[in-house]
Amino acid sequence: MDKRLEQANCLTETECLLIDPRTDRETLLDNAEMRLDAIKDLMFTLSTMNGRDNDLTSVDLSNLAMVSRFLVGDACDLLAAARQRDLDARAAAHRQTIKGGAGHV
């Protein structure tokens, strides 16, 4: 298996969004925001549909719910990966600070 795929994050139990571990924080946040914007637009469309004319069926609602679940799950995984990047960066900075100050007594 490609070494990059071995290090990729898959935080959900059944679906898997592969996140490149080398991805920077801003890219992770941008992609999470894109998914959240998409779900927001999808929910707006759903809220403005007219159910009285039978243009919205239970199958449509089921499909919309499924798409919504995937988008929200992806956004959550991306936000968790961005948070982990921050934690890793802080830990590395802390280790560097400790290492740099180790010679002083």
C-alpha atoms as a PDB file:
ATOM      1  CA  MET A   1       0.000   0.000   0.000  1.00  0.00           C
ATOM      2  CA  ASP A   2       1.170   3.512  -0.740  1.00  0.00           C
ATOM      3  CA  LYS A   3       2.762   4.975   2.385  1.00  0.00           C
ATOM      4  CA  ARG A   4       0.562   8.085   2.124  1.00  0.00           C
ATOM      5  CA  LEU A   5      -2.592   5.968   2.287  1.00  0.00           C
ATOM      6  CA  GLU A   6      -1.318   4.157   5.374  1.00  0.00           C
ATOM      7  CA  GLN A   7      -1.040   7.505   7.149  1.00  0.00           C
ATOM      8  CA  ALA A   8      -4.388   8.847   5.938  1.00  0.00           C
ATOM      9  CA  ASN A   9      -7.132   9.554   8.451  1.00  0.00           C
ATOM     10  CA  CYS A  10     -10.435   7.686   8.271  1.00  0.00           C
ATOM     11  CA  LEU A  11     -12.425   8.746  11.302  1.00  0.00           C
ATOM     12  CA  THR A  12     -15.874   7.439  10.449  1.00  0.00           C
ATOM     13  CA  GLU A  13     -16.877   3.828  10.975  1.00  0.00           C
ATOM     14  CA  THR A  14     -18.358   2.996   7.575  1.00  0.00           C
ATOM     15  CA  GLU A  15     -17.649   5.754   5.071  1.00  0.00           C
ATOM     16  CA  CYS A  16     -14.113   6.910   4.495  1.00  0.00           C
ATOM     17  CA  LEU A  17     -12.856  10.291   3.397  1.00  0.00           C
ATOM     18  CA  LEU A  18      -9.125   9.958   2.804  1.00  0.00           C
ATOM     19  CA  ILE A  19      -7.256  12.953   4.159  1.00  0.00           C
ATOM     20  CA  ASP A  20      -3.660  13.402   3.080  1.00  0.00           C
ATOM     21  CA  PRO A  21      -1.647  13.737   6.310  1.00  0.00           C
ATOM     22  CA  ARG A  22       0.577  16.356   4.638  1.00  0.00           C
ATOM     23  CA  THR A  23      -2.362  18.672   3.959  1.00  0.00           C
ATOM     24  CA  ASP A  24      -2.044  22.075   5.579  1.00  0.00           C
ATOM     25  CA  ARG A  25      -4.575  23.379   8.091  1.00  0.00           C
ATOM     26  CA  GLU A  26      -6.035  26.040   5.781  1.00  0.00           C
ATOM     27  CA  THR A  27      -6.807  23.473   3.061  1.00  0.00           C
ATOM     28  CA  LEU A  28      -8.537  21.240   5.605  1.00  0.00           C
ATOM     29  CA  LEU A  29     -10.621  24.164   6.874  1.00  0.00           C
ATOM     30  CA  ASP A  30     -11.441  25.324   3.325  1.00  0.00           C
ATOM     31  CA  ASN A  31     -12.685  21.855   2.390  1.00  0.00           C
ATOM     32  CA  ALA A  32     -14.753  21.584   5.571  1.00  0.00           C
ATOM     33  CA  GLU A  33     -16.276  24.985   4.797  1.00  0.00           C
ATOM     34  CA  MET A  34     -17.127  23.920   1.231  1.00  0.00           C
ATOM     35  CA  ARG A  35     -19.017  20.896   2.541  1.00  0.00           C
ATOM     36  CA  LEU A  36     -20.835  22.936   5.175  1.00  0.00           C
ATOM     37  CA  ASP A  37     -21.814  25.516   2.536  1.00  0.00           C
ATOM     38  CA  ALA A  38     -23.114  22.719   0.313  1.00  0.00           C
ATOM     39  CA  ILE A  39     -25.255  21.269   3.109  1.00  0.00           C
ATOM     40  CA  LYS A  40     -26.516  24.758   3.989  1.00  0.00           C
ATOM     41  CA  ASP A  41     -27.555  25.327   0.356  1.00  0.00           C
ATOM     42  CA  LEU A  42     -29.124  21.862   0.196  1.00  0.00           C
ATOM     43  CA  MET A  43     -31.154  22.517   3.342  1.00  0.00           C
ATOM     44  CA  PHE A  44     -32.273  25.901   1.954  1.00  0.00           C
ATOM     45  CA  THR A  45     -33.449  24.213  -1.245  1.00  0.00           C
ATOM     46  CA  LEU A  46     -35.289  21.583   0.753  1.00  0.00           C
ATOM     47  CA  SER A  47     -36.953  24.211   2.942  1.00  0.00           C
ATOM     48  CA  THR A  48     -38.246  26.111  -0.091  1.00  0.00           C
ATOM     49  CA  MET A  49     -39.650  23.115  -1.978  1.00  0.00           C
ATOM     50  CA  ASN A  50     -43.401  22.933  -2.307  1.00  0.00           C
ATOM     51  CA  GLY A  51     -44.629  19.572  -1.042  1.00  0.00           C
ATOM     52  CA  ARG A  52     -48.260  20.257  -1.944  1.00  0.00           C
ATOM     53  CA  ASP A  53     -47.645  19.629  -5.650  1.00  0.00           C
ATOM     54  CA  ASN A  54     -46.122  16.199  -4.977  1.00  0.00           C
ATOM     55  CA  ASP A  55     -42.725  17.398  -6.172  1.00  0.00           C
ATOM     56  CA  LEU A  56     -41.099  15.965  -3.041  1.00  0.00           C
ATOM     57  CA  THR A  57     -41.337  12.218  -2.373  1.00  0.00           C
ATOM     58  CA  SER A  58     -40.117  10.070   0.492  1.00  0.00           C
ATOM     59  CA  VAL A  59     -37.360   8.817  -1.828  1.00  0.00           C
ATOM     60  CA  ASP A  60     -36.280  12.424  -2.412  1.00  0.00           C
ATOM     61  CA  LEU A  61     -36.189  13.061   1.328  1.00  0.00           C
ATOM     62  CA  SER A  62     -34.212   9.877   1.912  1.00  0.00           C
ATOM     63  CA  ASN A  63     -31.688  10.842  -0.767  1.00  0.00           C
ATOM     64  CA  LEU A  64     -31.339  14.355   0.653  1.00  0.00           C
ATOM     65  CA  ALA A  65     -30.814  12.948   4.138  1.00  0.00           C
ATOM     66  CA  MET A  66     -28.122  10.561   2.864  1.00  0.00           C
ATOM     67  CA  VAL A  67     -26.238  13.328   1.044  1.00  0.00           C
ATOM     68  CA  SER A  68     -26.541  15.548   4.111  1.00  0.00           C
ATOM     69  CA  ARG A  69     -25.121  12.829   6.335  1.00  0.00           C
ATOM     70  CA  PHE A  70     -22.109  12.329   4.057  1.00  0.00           C
ATOM     71  CA  LEU A  71     -21.391  16.043   3.773  1.00  0.00           C
ATOM     72  CA  VAL A  72     -21.666  16.637   7.514  1.00  0.00           C
ATOM     73  CA  GLY A  73     -19.536  13.552   8.241  1.00  0.00           C
ATOM     74  CA  ASP A  74     -16.844  14.729   5.823  1.00  0.00           C
ATOM     75  CA  ALA A  75     -16.874  18.228   7.305  1.00  0.00           C
ATOM     76  CA  CYS A  76     -16.521  16.796  10.825  1.00  0.00           C
ATOM     77  CA  ASP A  77     -13.606  14.591   9.750  1.00  0.00           C
ATOM     78  CA  LEU A  78     -11.888  17.556   8.079  1.00  0.00           C
ATOM     79  CA  LEU A  79     -12.364  19.745  11.156  1.00  0.00           C
ATOM     80  CA  ALA A  80     -10.994  16.972  13.385  1.00  0.00           C
ATOM     81  CA  ALA A  81      -7.955  16.619  11.118  1.00  0.00           C
ATOM     82  CA  ALA A  82      -7.380  20.399  11.206  1.00  0.00           C
ATOM     83  CA  ARG A  83      -7.630  20.339  15.010  1.00  0.00           C
ATOM     84  CA  GLN A  84      -5.117  17.471  15.118  1.00  0.00           C
ATOM     85  CA  ARG A  85      -2.749  19.465  12.879  1.00  0.00           C
ATOM     86  CA  ASP A  86      -2.926  22.325  15.394  1.00  0.00           C
ATOM     87  CA  LEU A  87      -2.264  19.990  18.320  1.00  0.00           C
ATOM     88  CA  ASP A  88       0.673  18.370  16.511  1.00  0.00           C
ATOM     89  CA  ALA A  89       2.141  21.787  15.652  1.00  0.00           C
ATOM     90  CA  ARG A  90       1.814  22.977  19.261  1.00  0.00           C
ATOM     91  CA  ALA A  91       3.412  19.779  20.555  1.00  0.00           C
ATOM     92  CA  ALA A  92       6.294  20.111  18.090  1.00  0.00           C
ATOM     93  CA  ALA A  93       6.821  23.760  19.089  1.00  0.00           C
ATOM     94  CA  HIS A  94       6.754  22.781  22.757  1.00  0.00           C
ATOM     95  CA  ARG A  95       9.300  20.000  22.194  1.00  0.00           C
ATOM     96  CA  GLN A  96      11.512  22.442  20.299  1.00  0.00           C
ATOM     97  CA  THR A  97      11.291  24.943  23.145  1.00  0.00           C
ATOM     98  CA  ILE A  98      12.211  22.297  25.704  1.00  0.00           C
ATOM     99  CA  LYS A  99      15.037  20.969  23.525  1.00  0.00           C
ATOM    100  CA  GLY A 100      16.417  24.461  22.942  1.00  0.00           C
ATOM    101  CA  GLY A 101      16.397  25.298  26.641  1.00  0.00           C
ATOM    102  CA  ALA A 102      17.774  21.946  27.870  1.00  0.00           C
ATOM    103  CA  GLY A 103      21.378  23.205  28.154  1.00  0.00           C
ATOM    104  CA  HIS A 104      20.543  26.045  30.556  1.00  0.00           C
ATOM    105  CA  VAL A 105      20.562  25.396  34.272  1.00  0.00           C
END
